[in-house]
Amino acid sequence: MHPRNAGKQICHHRHELTFLSQASDAGKRLDHFLQEQLPSYSRTRLQDWVRGGRVQVDGRRQKPSYCLRGGEKVDVEPAELRPLKAEPEPIALQILYEDNDVVAVDKPAGMVVHAGAGCRSGTLVNALLHRFGELSGLGGELRPGIIHRLDRHTSGVMLVARNDAAHRRLAEQFARREVEKVYIALVHGVLKTDRGRIEKPITRDPARRIRMTARLGRGRPALTEYRVLRRYRAFTLLEVKIGTGRTHQIRTHLASVGHPVAGDRLYGAPSRVEGQPSLGRFFLHSHRIRFEQPATRQAITLESPLPPELEGWLAGLL
């Protein structure tokens, strides 16, 4: 096997997957390696596969904690997953706006938008189905009503379509970049300029598949603009506008210029800040969204205030 294929999938036959670990994987736990190669599955599920004999390293069963040496052949036989479908759940929601076409919710940090690998309950979609009964079906049974998403640990205002016609019109507005999306972010370091623009393509990070990167010069076009709201000794508070809606866009772009979002360990933020309590989430909040009501064409602007836990964290900074 040529070394450039190391760490990549080298076989997919009869629902079996084969990966080759590389020298840089030496010392890495088997379950961590698998999660990097198969980011759509939770670590818990992958660990179950290892314990159940569905994963073999050079033809032998190992524990999830097995340390790779590099150069091993890792065979995976994924277990069948039952089809995912959103189910109504009685979960409290903060509704910012609603009419016959659109709902705007104030999503709390920690809530997943829709079910996926490793998460079937407690989602925003499940809560919406319980509250409203029916949403647009264009997103399928797993993502009814969902036009755009927020990361699990990002809070704030988010739009949901109640019917297919509204979904189509709102999706067109997003595609034409007519929806104004404004975020508040606290980043590490002190930015020198009061305003900035980051226009770098974003793609999946080949070295760590669970994150994105803007450092390879290729991928989908992405535009992020920011304005400094306040500078602290070791942080900067920003108002951020995005012209595109790429996966992890704000987090990826700000990290690419050396200023990761506070609390975002995946993109380089430290786990703790001296003198501050653990944040337990990203300091990234969807603050304002402006769109055109699908039926009336009326311009609507909605805002979500900064959550108390973020306000409190700011108060402790110098």
C-alpha atoms as a PDB file:
ATOM      1  CA  MET A   1       0.000   0.000   0.000  1.00  0.00           C
ATOM      2  CA  HIS A   2       1.410   3.374  -1.027  1.00  0.00           C
ATOM      3  CA  PRO A   3       1.849   5.607   2.061  1.00  0.00           C
ATOM      4  CA  ARG A   4      -0.405   8.287   0.607  1.00  0.00           C
ATOM      5  CA  ASN A   5      -3.334   5.895   1.165  1.00  0.00           C
ATOM      6  CA  ALA A   6      -2.534   5.503   4.854  1.00  0.00           C
ATOM      7  CA  GLY A   7      -5.341   6.403   7.202  1.00  0.00           C
ATOM      8  CA  LYS A   8      -7.880   6.312   4.387  1.00  0.00           C
ATOM      9  CA  GLN A   9     -10.597   3.842   3.461  1.00  0.00           C
ATOM     10  CA  ILE A  10      -8.980   1.255   1.181  1.00  0.00           C
ATOM     11  CA  CYS A  11     -11.839  -1.197   0.767  1.00  0.00           C
ATOM     12  CA  HIS A  12     -15.621  -1.169   0.862  1.00  0.00           C
ATOM     13  CA  HIS A  13     -17.034  -4.601   0.050  1.00  0.00           C
ATOM     14  CA  ARG A  14     -20.277  -6.172   1.168  1.00  0.00           C
ATOM     15  CA  HIS A  15     -20.820  -3.487   3.799  1.00  0.00           C
ATOM     16  CA  GLU A  16     -17.305  -4.017   5.199  1.00  0.00           C
ATOM     17  CA  LEU A  17     -14.824  -1.157   5.507  1.00  0.00           C
ATOM     18  CA  THR A  18     -11.055  -1.358   5.693  1.00  0.00           C
ATOM     19  CA  PHE A  19      -8.707   1.409   6.807  1.00  0.00           C
ATOM     20  CA  LEU A  20      -4.931   1.554   7.022  1.00  0.00           C
ATOM     21  CA  SER A  21      -3.455   3.445   9.959  1.00  0.00           C
ATOM     22  CA  GLN A  22      -0.452   5.641   9.273  1.00  0.00           C
ATOM     23  CA  ALA A  23       2.676   6.505  11.225  1.00  0.00           C
ATOM     24  CA  SER A  24       1.048   9.644  12.659  1.00  0.00           C
ATOM     25  CA  ASP A  25      -1.665   7.431  14.215  1.00  0.00           C
ATOM     26  CA  ALA A  26       0.881   5.665  16.453  1.00  0.00           C
ATOM     27  CA  GLY A  27      -0.238   5.904  20.088  1.00  0.00           C
ATOM     28  CA  LYS A  28      -3.792   6.793  19.125  1.00  0.00           C
ATOM     29  CA  ARG A  29      -6.676   4.862  20.694  1.00  0.00           C
ATOM     30  CA  LEU A  30      -8.534   2.566  18.328  1.00  0.00           C
ATOM     31  CA  ASP A  31     -11.925   4.185  19.067  1.00  0.00           C
ATOM     32  CA  HIS A  32     -10.470   7.666  18.469  1.00  0.00           C
ATOM     33  CA  PHE A  33      -9.012   6.526  15.144  1.00  0.00           C
ATOM     34  CA  LEU A  34     -12.361   5.060  14.103  1.00  0.00           C
ATOM     35  CA  GLN A  35     -14.225   8.246  14.964  1.00  0.00           C
ATOM     36  CA  GLU A  36     -11.863  10.257  12.776  1.00  0.00           C
ATOM     37  CA  GLN A  37     -12.467   7.883   9.880  1.00  0.00           C
ATOM     38  CA  LEU A  38     -16.220   7.536  10.488  1.00  0.00           C
ATOM     39  CA  PRO A  39     -17.376  10.914  11.846  1.00  0.00           C
ATOM     40  CA  SER A  40     -21.058  10.199  11.142  1.00  0.00           C
ATOM     41  CA  TYR A  41     -21.086   7.574  13.917  1.00  0.00           C
ATOM     42  CA  SER A  42     -20.879   8.340  17.627  1.00  0.00           C
ATOM     43  CA  ARG A  43     -17.903   7.107  19.634  1.00  0.00           C
ATOM     44  CA  THR A  44     -20.266   5.068  21.804  1.00  0.00           C
ATOM     45  CA  ARG A  45     -21.577   3.199  18.766  1.00  0.00           C
ATOM     46  CA  LEU A  46     -18.059   2.593  17.474  1.00  0.00           C
ATOM     47  CA  GLN A  47     -16.962   1.288  20.867  1.00  0.00           C
ATOM     48  CA  ASP A  48     -19.907  -1.113  20.830  1.00  0.00           C
ATOM     49  CA  TRP A  49     -18.779  -2.388  17.445  1.00  0.00           C
ATOM     50  CA  VAL A  50     -15.236  -2.936  18.761  1.00  0.00           C
ATOM     51  CA  ARG A  51     -16.473  -4.820  21.829  1.00  0.00           C
ATOM     52  CA  GLY A  52     -18.868  -6.844  19.706  1.00  0.00           C
ATOM     53  CA  GLY A  53     -16.131  -8.077  17.392  1.00  0.00           C
ATOM     54  CA  ARG A  54     -17.176  -5.955  14.425  1.00  0.00           C
ATOM     55  CA  VAL A  55     -13.710  -4.333  14.331  1.00  0.00           C
ATOM     56  CA  GLN A  56     -10.462  -6.228  13.842  1.00  0.00           C
ATOM     57  CA  VAL A  57      -6.904  -4.900  13.806  1.00  0.00           C
ATOM     58  CA  ASP A  58      -4.645  -7.015  11.587  1.00  0.00           C
ATOM     59  CA  GLY A  59      -7.221  -9.789  11.863  1.00  0.00           C
ATOM     60  CA  ARG A  60      -7.542  -9.699  15.661  1.00  0.00           C
ATOM     61  CA  ARG A  61     -10.156  -8.339  18.027  1.00  0.00           C
ATOM     62  CA  GLN A  62      -8.964  -5.521  20.267  1.00  0.00           C
ATOM     63  CA  LYS A  63     -10.384  -3.255  22.967  1.00  0.00           C
ATOM     64  CA  PRO A  64     -11.542   0.319  22.213  1.00  0.00           C
ATOM     65  CA  SER A  65      -8.534   1.555  24.200  1.00  0.00           C
ATOM     66  CA  TYR A  66      -6.051  -0.410  22.082  1.00  0.00           C
ATOM     67  CA  CYS A  67      -3.155   1.862  21.043  1.00  0.00           C
ATOM     68  CA  LEU A  68      -2.268   1.807  17.374  1.00  0.00           C
ATOM     69  CA  ARG A  69       1.342   1.435  16.292  1.00  0.00           C
ATOM     70  CA  GLY A  70       0.825   2.674  12.731  1.00  0.00           C
ATOM     71  CA  GLY A  71       0.585   0.551   9.614  1.00  0.00           C
ATOM     72  CA  GLU A  72      -2.200  -1.729  10.876  1.00  0.00           C
ATOM     73  CA  LYS A  73      -5.116  -2.828   8.736  1.00  0.00           C
ATOM     74  CA  VAL A  74      -8.395  -2.022  10.520  1.00  0.00           C
ATOM     75  CA  ASP A  75     -11.466  -3.928   9.292  1.00  0.00           C
ATOM     76  CA  VAL A  76     -14.916  -2.654  10.244  1.00  0.00           C
ATOM     77  CA  GLU A  77     -18.260  -4.402   9.779  1.00  0.00           C
ATOM     78  CA  PRO A  78     -20.885  -1.713  10.503  1.00  0.00           C
ATOM     79  CA  ALA A  79     -24.084  -2.805  12.200  1.00  0.00           C
ATOM     80  CA  GLU A  80     -27.349  -2.017  10.479  1.00  0.00           C
ATOM     81  CA  LEU A  81     -29.051   1.113  11.802  1.00  0.00           C
ATOM     82  CA  ARG A  82     -32.799   1.402  12.046  1.00  0.00           C
ATOM     83  CA  PRO A  83     -34.128   4.287   9.940  1.00  0.00           C
ATOM     84  CA  LEU A  84     -34.160   7.595  11.743  1.00  0.00           C
ATOM     85  CA  LYS A  85     -37.383   9.532  11.957  1.00  0.00           C
ATOM     86  CA  ALA A  86     -38.218  12.627  13.970  1.00  0.00           C
ATOM     87  CA  GLU A  87     -40.653  11.908  16.800  1.00  0.00           C
ATOM     88  CA  PRO A  88     -42.652  14.490  18.815  1.00  0.00           C
ATOM     89  CA  GLU A  89     -41.357  15.088  22.341  1.00  0.00           C
ATOM     90  CA  PRO A  90     -42.727  17.448  25.027  1.00  0.00           C
ATOM     91  CA  ILE A  91     -39.681  19.710  25.303  1.00  0.00           C
ATOM     92  CA  ALA A  92     -39.941  23.375  26.270  1.00  0.00           C
ATOM     93  CA  LEU A  93     -39.135  25.878  23.522  1.00  0.00           C
ATOM     94  CA  GLN A  94     -38.565  29.623  23.469  1.00  0.00           C
ATOM     95  CA  ILE A  95     -40.539  30.933  20.479  1.00  0.00           C
ATOM     96  CA  LEU A  96     -39.443  34.336  19.174  1.00  0.00           C
ATOM     97  CA  TYR A  97     -41.947  34.566  16.323  1.00  0.00           C
ATOM     98  CA  GLU A  98     -44.604  32.470  14.603  1.00  0.00           C
ATOM     99  CA  ASP A  99     -47.143  32.792  11.810  1.00  0.00           C
ATOM    100  CA  ASN A 100     -48.774  30.319   9.422  1.00  0.00           C
ATOM    101  CA  ASP A 101     -45.559  29.914   7.432  1.00  0.00           C
ATOM    102  CA  VAL A 102     -42.588  30.450   9.705  1.00  0.00           C
ATOM    103  CA  VAL A 103     -41.472  29.766  13.265  1.00  0.00           C
ATOM    104  CA  ALA A 104     -38.396  31.393  14.806  1.00  0.00           C
ATOM    105  CA  VAL A 105     -36.990  29.688  17.886  1.00  0.00           C
ATOM    106  CA  ASP A 106     -34.348  30.730  20.388  1.00  0.00           C
ATOM    107  CA  LYS A 107     -32.271  27.541  20.400  1.00  0.00           C
ATOM    108  CA  PRO A 108     -30.363  26.886  23.629  1.00  0.00           C
ATOM    109  CA  ALA A 109     -26.756  25.711  23.541  1.00  0.00           C
ATOM    110  CA  GLY A 110     -26.518  21.951  23.966  1.00  0.00           C
ATOM    111  CA  MET A 111     -29.630  21.138  21.924  1.00  0.00           C
ATOM    112  CA  VAL A 112     -29.123  19.183  18.702  1.00  0.00           C
ATOM    113  CA  VAL A 113     -31.235  20.439  15.781  1.00  0.00           C
ATOM    114  CA  HIS A 114     -32.287  17.033  14.446  1.00  0.00           C
ATOM    115  CA  ALA A 115     -31.670  13.352  15.102  1.00  0.00           C
ATOM    116  CA  GLY A 116     -28.560  11.687  13.723  1.00  0.00           C
ATOM    117  CA  ALA A 117     -25.989   9.064  14.590  1.00  0.00           C
ATOM    118  CA  GLY A 118     -25.831   8.792  18.371  1.00  0.00           C
ATOM    119  CA  CYS A 119     -28.722  11.209  18.979  1.00  0.00           C
ATOM    120  CA  ARG A 120     -32.384  10.298  18.603  1.00  0.00           C
ATOM    121  CA  SER A 121     -34.135  12.262  21.342  1.00  0.00           C
ATOM    122  CA  GLY A 122     -34.135  15.733  22.869  1.00  0.00           C
ATOM    123  CA  THR A 123     -33.779  17.449  19.497  1.00  0.00           C
ATOM    124  CA  LEU A 124     -35.170  20.777  18.377  1.00  0.00           C
ATOM    125  CA  VAL A 125     -37.165  19.080  15.613  1.00  0.00           C
ATOM    126  CA  ASN A 126     -38.773  16.679  18.086  1.00  0.00           C
ATOM    127  CA  ALA A 127     -39.782  19.622  20.277  1.00  0.00           C
ATOM    128  CA  LEU A 128     -41.188  21.519  17.285  1.00  0.00           C
ATOM    129  CA  LEU A 129     -43.257  18.546  16.126  1.00  0.00           C
ATOM    130  CA  HIS A 130     -44.819  18.266  19.593  1.00  0.00           C
ATOM    131  CA  ARG A 131     -45.548  21.988  19.697  1.00  0.00           C
ATOM    132  CA  PHE A 132     -46.845  22.524  16.141  1.00  0.00           C
ATOM    133  CA  GLY A 133     -47.866  19.046  14.974  1.00  0.00           C
ATOM    134  CA  GLU A 134     -46.675  19.419  11.392  1.00  0.00           C
ATOM    135  CA  LEU A 135     -43.804  21.110   9.603  1.00  0.00           C
ATOM    136  CA  SER A 136     -42.568  21.340   6.024  1.00  0.00           C
ATOM    137  CA  GLY A 137     -41.833  17.912   4.586  1.00  0.00           C
ATOM    138  CA  LEU A 138     -39.163  19.009   2.099  1.00  0.00           C
ATOM    139  CA  GLY A 139     -36.371  18.139   4.533  1.00  0.00           C
ATOM    140  CA  GLY A 140     -37.587  14.555   4.835  1.00  0.00           C
ATOM    141  CA  GLU A 141     -38.730  12.623   7.906  1.00  0.00           C
ATOM    142  CA  LEU A 142     -35.488  13.341   9.745  1.00  0.00           C
ATOM    143  CA  ARG A 143     -35.339  17.117   9.197  1.00  0.00           C
ATOM    144  CA  PRO A 144     -38.902  18.415   8.768  1.00  0.00           C
ATOM    145  CA  GLY A 145     -39.006  22.210   8.525  1.00  0.00           C
ATOM    146  CA  ILE A 146     -35.248  22.678   8.729  1.00  0.00           C
ATOM    147  CA  ILE A 147     -33.896  25.321   6.328  1.00  0.00           C
ATOM    148  CA  HIS A 148     -30.629  26.101   8.097  1.00  0.00           C
ATOM    149  CA  ARG A 149     -28.906  24.790  11.233  1.00  0.00           C
ATOM    150  CA  LEU A 150     -26.934  25.862  14.266  1.00  0.00           C
ATOM    151  CA  ASP A 151     -24.220  23.708  15.818  1.00  0.00           C
ATOM    152  CA  ARG A 152     -25.135  21.891  18.993  1.00  0.00           C
ATOM    153  CA  HIS A 153     -23.159  24.240  21.254  1.00  0.00           C
ATOM    154  CA  THR A 154     -24.264  27.411  19.445  1.00  0.00           C
ATOM    155  CA  SER A 155     -27.343  29.235  20.713  1.00  0.00           C
ATOM    156  CA  GLY A 156     -29.735  31.771  19.271  1.00  0.00           C
ATOM    157  CA  VAL A 157     -32.378  32.557  16.675  1.00  0.00           C
ATOM    158  CA  MET A 158     -33.165  29.979  13.998  1.00  0.00           C
ATOM    159  CA  LEU A 159     -35.904  29.805  11.345  1.00  0.00           C
ATOM    160  CA  VAL A 160     -38.160  26.801  10.674  1.00  0.00           C
ATOM    161  CA  ALA A 161     -40.664  26.365   7.808  1.00  0.00           C
ATOM    162  CA  ARG A 162     -44.190  25.222   8.636  1.00  0.00           C
ATOM    163  CA  ASN A 163     -45.202  24.264   5.071  1.00  0.00           C
ATOM    164  CA  ASP A 164     -43.543  23.300   1.797  1.00  0.00           C
ATOM    165  CA  ALA A 165     -44.282  26.572  -0.008  1.00  0.00           C
ATOM    166  CA  ALA A 166     -42.688  28.611   2.766  1.00  0.00           C
ATOM    167  CA  HIS A 167     -39.729  26.217   2.854  1.00  0.00           C
ATOM    168  CA  ARG A 168     -39.078  26.717  -0.869  1.00  0.00           C
ATOM    169  CA  ARG A 169     -39.256  30.508  -0.671  1.00  0.00           C
ATOM    170  CA  LEU A 170     -37.058  30.714   2.415  1.00  0.00           C
ATOM    171  CA  ALA A 171     -34.543  28.298   0.888  1.00  0.00           C
ATOM    172  CA  GLU A 172     -34.384  30.554  -2.170  1.00  0.00           C
ATOM    173  CA  GLN A 173     -33.664  33.554   0.057  1.00  0.00           C
ATOM    174  CA  PHE A 174     -30.827  31.684   1.756  1.00  0.00           C
ATOM    175  CA  ALA A 175     -29.455  30.527  -1.605  1.00  0.00           C
ATOM    176  CA  ARG A 176     -29.517  34.096  -2.966  1.00  0.00           C
ATOM    177  CA  ARG A 177     -27.849  35.321   0.249  1.00  0.00           C
ATOM    178  CA  GLU A 178     -30.771  37.628   0.969  1.00  0.00           C
ATOM    179  CA  VAL A 179     -31.138  36.475   4.588  1.00  0.00           C
ATOM    180  CA  GLU A 180     -29.052  38.568   6.982  1.00  0.00           C
ATOM    181  CA  LYS A 181     -27.488  36.433   9.711  1.00  0.00           C
ATOM    182  CA  VAL A 182     -25.635  38.199  12.527  1.00  0.00           C
ATOM    183  CA  TYR A 183     -23.769  36.403  15.310  1.00  0.00           C
ATOM    184  CA  ILE A 184     -21.972  37.450  18.480  1.00  0.00           C
ATOM    185  CA  ALA A 185     -18.660  35.681  19.076  1.00  0.00           C
ATOM    186  CA  LEU A 186     -15.921  35.972  21.665  1.00  0.00           C
ATOM    187  CA  VAL A 187     -12.544  34.951  20.282  1.00  0.00           C
ATOM    188  CA  HIS A 188      -9.117  34.391  21.798  1.00  0.00           C
ATOM    189  CA  GLY A 189      -6.571  37.107  21.175  1.00  0.00           C
ATOM    190  CA  VAL A 190      -6.904  40.800  20.416  1.00  0.00           C
ATOM    191  CA  LEU A 191      -7.740  41.735  16.831  1.00  0.00           C
ATOM    192  CA  LYS A 192      -5.846  44.776  15.627  1.00  0.00           C
ATOM    193  CA  THR A 193      -8.360  46.119  13.111  1.00  0.00           C
ATOM    194  CA  ASP A 194     -11.916  47.192  13.913  1.00  0.00           C
ATOM    195  CA  ARG A 195     -13.350  45.371  10.912  1.00  0.00           C
ATOM    196  CA  GLY A 196     -12.309  42.405   8.845  1.00  0.00           C
ATOM    197  CA  ARG A 197     -13.327  40.096   6.029  1.00  0.00           C
ATOM    198  CA  ILE A 198     -12.397  36.427   5.676  1.00  0.00           C
ATOM    199  CA  GLU A 199     -13.007  34.919   2.262  1.00  0.00           C
ATOM    200  CA  LYS A 200     -11.505  31.442   2.189  1.00  0.00           C
ATOM    201  CA  PRO A 201     -12.934  28.197   0.794  1.00  0.00           C
ATOM    202  CA  ILE A 202     -13.891  25.591   3.397  1.00  0.00           C
ATOM    203  CA  THR A 203     -13.533  21.825   3.107  1.00  0.00           C
ATOM    204  CA  ARG A 204     -13.414  18.754   5.352  1.00  0.00           C
ATOM    205  CA  ASP A 205     -10.112  18.498   7.255  1.00  0.00           C
ATOM    206  CA  PRO A 206      -8.390  15.386   5.832  1.00  0.00           C
ATOM    207  CA  ALA A 207      -6.342  14.956   9.020  1.00  0.00           C
ATOM    208  CA  ARG A 208      -9.345  15.107  11.369  1.00  0.00           C
ATOM    209  CA  ARG A 209     -12.618  14.344   9.663  1.00  0.00           C
ATOM    210  CA  ILE A 210     -14.887  15.689  12.403  1.00  0.00           C
ATOM    211  CA  ARG A 211     -13.829  19.259  11.665  1.00  0.00           C
ATOM    212  CA  MET A 212     -13.529  21.602   8.681  1.00  0.00           C
ATOM    213  CA  THR A 213     -10.562  23.641   7.502  1.00  0.00           C
ATOM    214  CA  ALA A 214      -9.961  26.868   5.553  1.00  0.00           C
ATOM    215  CA  ARG A 215      -6.209  26.341   5.266  1.00  0.00           C
ATOM    216  CA  LEU A 216      -6.010  24.188   2.138  1.00  0.00           C
ATOM    217  CA  GLY A 217      -7.047  26.768  -0.468  1.00  0.00           C
ATOM    218  CA  ARG A 218      -9.826  24.545  -1.796  1.00  0.00           C
ATOM    219  CA  GLY A 219     -13.412  23.657  -0.996  1.00  0.00           C
ATOM    220  CA  ARG A 220     -16.707  25.545  -1.078  1.00  0.00           C
ATOM    221  CA  PRO A 221     -16.537  29.363  -1.223  1.00  0.00           C
ATOM    222  CA  ALA A 222     -17.248  31.047   2.117  1.00  0.00           C
ATOM    223  CA  LEU A 223     -17.466  34.668   3.256  1.00  0.00           C
ATOM    224  CA  THR A 224     -17.336  35.902   6.848  1.00  0.00           C
ATOM    225  CA  GLU A 225     -17.233  39.559   7.934  1.00  0.00           C
ATOM    226  CA  TYR A 226     -16.683  40.827  11.467  1.00  0.00           C
ATOM    227  CA  ARG A 227     -16.774  44.044  13.472  1.00  0.00           C
ATOM    228  CA  VAL A 228     -15.105  44.521  16.856  1.00  0.00           C
ATOM    229  CA  LEU A 229     -17.570  45.293  19.637  1.00  0.00           C
ATOM    230  CA  ARG A 230     -15.127  45.291  22.546  1.00  0.00           C
ATOM    231  CA  ARG A 231     -11.532  44.335  23.285  1.00  0.00           C
ATOM    232  CA  TYR A 232     -10.430  42.609  26.474  1.00  0.00           C
ATOM    233  CA  ARG A 233      -6.931  41.816  27.661  1.00  0.00           C
ATOM    234  CA  ALA A 234      -6.833  38.404  25.968  1.00  0.00           C
ATOM    235  CA  PHE A 235     -10.127  38.284  24.047  1.00  0.00           C
ATOM    236  CA  THR A 236     -12.123  40.222  21.467  1.00  0.00           C
ATOM    237  CA  LEU A 237     -15.919  40.402  21.282  1.00  0.00           C
ATOM    238  CA  LEU A 238     -17.150  40.425  17.682  1.00  0.00           C
ATOM    239  CA  GLU A 239     -20.285  40.956  15.663  1.00  0.00           C
ATOM    240  CA  VAL A 240     -20.059  38.471  12.793  1.00  0.00           C
ATOM    241  CA  LYS A 241     -22.019  38.369   9.534  1.00  0.00           C
ATOM    242  CA  ILE A 242     -21.887  35.407   7.184  1.00  0.00           C
ATOM    243  CA  GLY A 243     -22.604  35.626   3.482  1.00  0.00           C
ATOM    244  CA  THR A 244     -22.628  31.837   3.124  1.00  0.00           C
ATOM    245  CA  GLY A 245     -23.743  29.032   5.394  1.00  0.00           C
ATOM    246  CA  ARG A 246     -20.979  26.441   5.341  1.00  0.00           C
ATOM    247  CA  THR A 247     -20.554  23.801   8.036  1.00  0.00           C
ATOM    248  CA  HIS A 248     -18.706  25.309  11.045  1.00  0.00           C
ATOM    249  CA  GLN A 249     -18.071  28.418   8.929  1.00  0.00           C
ATOM    250  CA  ILE A 250     -17.550  31.035  11.645  1.00  0.00           C
ATOM    251  CA  ARG A 251     -15.576  28.646  13.829  1.00  0.00           C
ATOM    252  CA  THR A 252     -13.382  27.545  10.909  1.00  0.00           C
ATOM    253  CA  HIS A 253     -12.733  31.027   9.523  1.00  0.00           C
ATOM    254  CA  LEU A 254     -11.886  32.662  12.843  1.00  0.00           C
ATOM    255  CA  ALA A 255      -9.586  29.776  13.805  1.00  0.00           C
ATOM    256  CA  SER A 256      -7.859  30.069  10.409  1.00  0.00           C
ATOM    257  CA  VAL A 257      -6.723  33.609  11.268  1.00  0.00           C
ATOM    258  CA  GLY A 258      -5.503  32.592  14.726  1.00  0.00           C
ATOM    259  CA  HIS A 259      -8.550  33.605  16.771  1.00  0.00           C
ATOM    260  CA  PRO A 260     -10.597  30.521  17.727  1.00  0.00           C
ATOM    261  CA  VAL A 261     -13.999  30.984  19.351  1.00  0.00           C
ATOM    262  CA  ALA A 262     -13.826  30.727  23.149  1.00  0.00           C
ATOM    263  CA  GLY A 263     -14.814  27.259  24.318  1.00  0.00           C
ATOM    264  CA  ASP A 264     -14.309  25.689  20.892  1.00  0.00           C
ATOM    265  CA  ARG A 265     -11.653  23.086  21.664  1.00  0.00           C
ATOM    266  CA  LEU A 266     -12.117  21.349  18.296  1.00  0.00           C
ATOM    267  CA  TYR A 267     -10.700  24.439  16.588  1.00  0.00           C
ATOM    268  CA  GLY A 268      -7.899  25.196  19.008  1.00  0.00           C
ATOM    269  CA  ALA A 269      -9.390  27.025  21.992  1.00  0.00           C
ATOM    270  CA  PRO A 270      -7.930  25.975  25.373  1.00  0.00           C
ATOM    271  CA  SER A 271     -10.109  23.889  27.676  1.00  0.00           C
ATOM    272  CA  ARG A 272      -9.761  26.338  30.566  1.00  0.00           C
ATOM    273  CA  VAL A 273      -9.137  30.052  31.014  1.00  0.00           C
ATOM    274  CA  GLU A 274      -7.333  31.089  34.187  1.00  0.00           C
ATOM    275  CA  GLY A 275      -9.639  32.850  36.632  1.00  0.00           C
ATOM    276  CA  GLN A 276     -12.770  31.908  34.684  1.00  0.00           C
ATOM    277  CA  PRO A 277     -15.258  29.065  35.211  1.00  0.00           C
ATOM    278  CA  SER A 278     -15.544  26.388  32.544  1.00  0.00           C
ATOM    279  CA  LEU A 279     -17.686  27.726  29.700  1.00  0.00           C
ATOM    280  CA  GLY A 280     -19.170  24.345  28.779  1.00  0.00           C
ATOM    281  CA  ARG A 281     -20.170  25.578  25.292  1.00  0.00           C
ATOM    282  CA  PHE A 282     -18.974  27.818  22.458  1.00  0.00           C
ATOM    283  CA  PHE A 283     -19.127  31.588  22.892  1.00  0.00           C
ATOM    284  CA  LEU A 284     -21.042  31.832  19.641  1.00  0.00           C
ATOM    285  CA  HIS A 285     -24.606  33.115  19.518  1.00  0.00           C
ATOM    286  CA  SER A 286     -27.004  33.672  16.598  1.00  0.00           C
ATOM    287  CA  HIS A 287     -28.072  37.161  17.590  1.00  0.00           C
ATOM    288  CA  ARG A 288     -30.153  38.520  14.705  1.00  0.00           C
ATOM    289  CA  ILE A 289     -31.780  37.277  11.537  1.00  0.00           C
ATOM    290  CA  ARG A 290     -33.561  39.329   8.879  1.00  0.00           C
ATOM    291  CA  PHE A 291     -35.677  37.678   6.190  1.00  0.00           C
ATOM    292  CA  GLU A 292     -38.701  38.232   3.968  1.00  0.00           C
ATOM    293  CA  GLN A 293     -41.968  36.636   5.089  1.00  0.00           C
ATOM    294  CA  PRO A 294     -42.640  34.018   2.370  1.00  0.00           C
ATOM    295  CA  ALA A 295     -46.292  34.936   1.710  1.00  0.00           C
ATOM    296  CA  THR A 296     -46.528  38.677   2.418  1.00  0.00           C
ATOM    297  CA  ARG A 297     -42.949  39.593   1.391  1.00  0.00           C
ATOM    298  CA  GLN A 298     -42.755  41.763   4.502  1.00  0.00           C
ATOM    299  CA  ALA A 299     -39.252  42.243   5.926  1.00  0.00           C
ATOM    300  CA  ILE A 300     -38.956  40.721   9.402  1.00  0.00           C
ATOM    301  CA  THR A 301     -36.048  41.211  11.800  1.00  0.00           C
ATOM    302  CA  LEU A 302     -35.749  39.025  14.901  1.00  0.00           C
ATOM    303  CA  GLU A 303     -33.211  39.155  17.721  1.00  0.00           C
ATOM    304  CA  SER A 304     -32.149  36.801  20.480  1.00  0.00           C
ATOM    305  CA  PRO A 305     -30.429  38.414  23.485  1.00  0.00           C
ATOM    306  CA  LEU A 306     -27.098  37.058  24.672  1.00  0.00           C
ATOM    307  CA  PRO A 307     -27.807  34.162  27.096  1.00  0.00           C
ATOM    308  CA  PRO A 308     -27.151  34.773  30.817  1.00  0.00           C
ATOM    309  CA  GLU A 309     -24.268  32.280  30.936  1.00  0.00           C
ATOM    310  CA  LEU A 310     -22.428  34.222  28.215  1.00  0.00           C
ATOM    311  CA  GLU A 311     -23.202  37.593  29.803  1.00  0.00           C
ATOM    312  CA  GLY A 312     -21.866  36.259  33.095  1.00  0.00           C
ATOM    313  CA  TRP A 313     -18.703  34.927  31.482  1.00  0.00           C
ATOM    314  CA  LEU A 314     -18.044  38.293  29.842  1.00  0.00           C
ATOM    315  CA  ALA A 315     -18.475  40.053  33.181  1.00  0.00           C
ATOM    316  CA  GLY A 316     -15.511  38.101  34.571  1.00  0.00           C
ATOM    317  CA  LEU A 317     -13.093  39.244  31.849  1.00  0.00           C
ATOM    318  CA  LEU A 318     -10.657  42.113  32.134  1.00  0.00           C
END
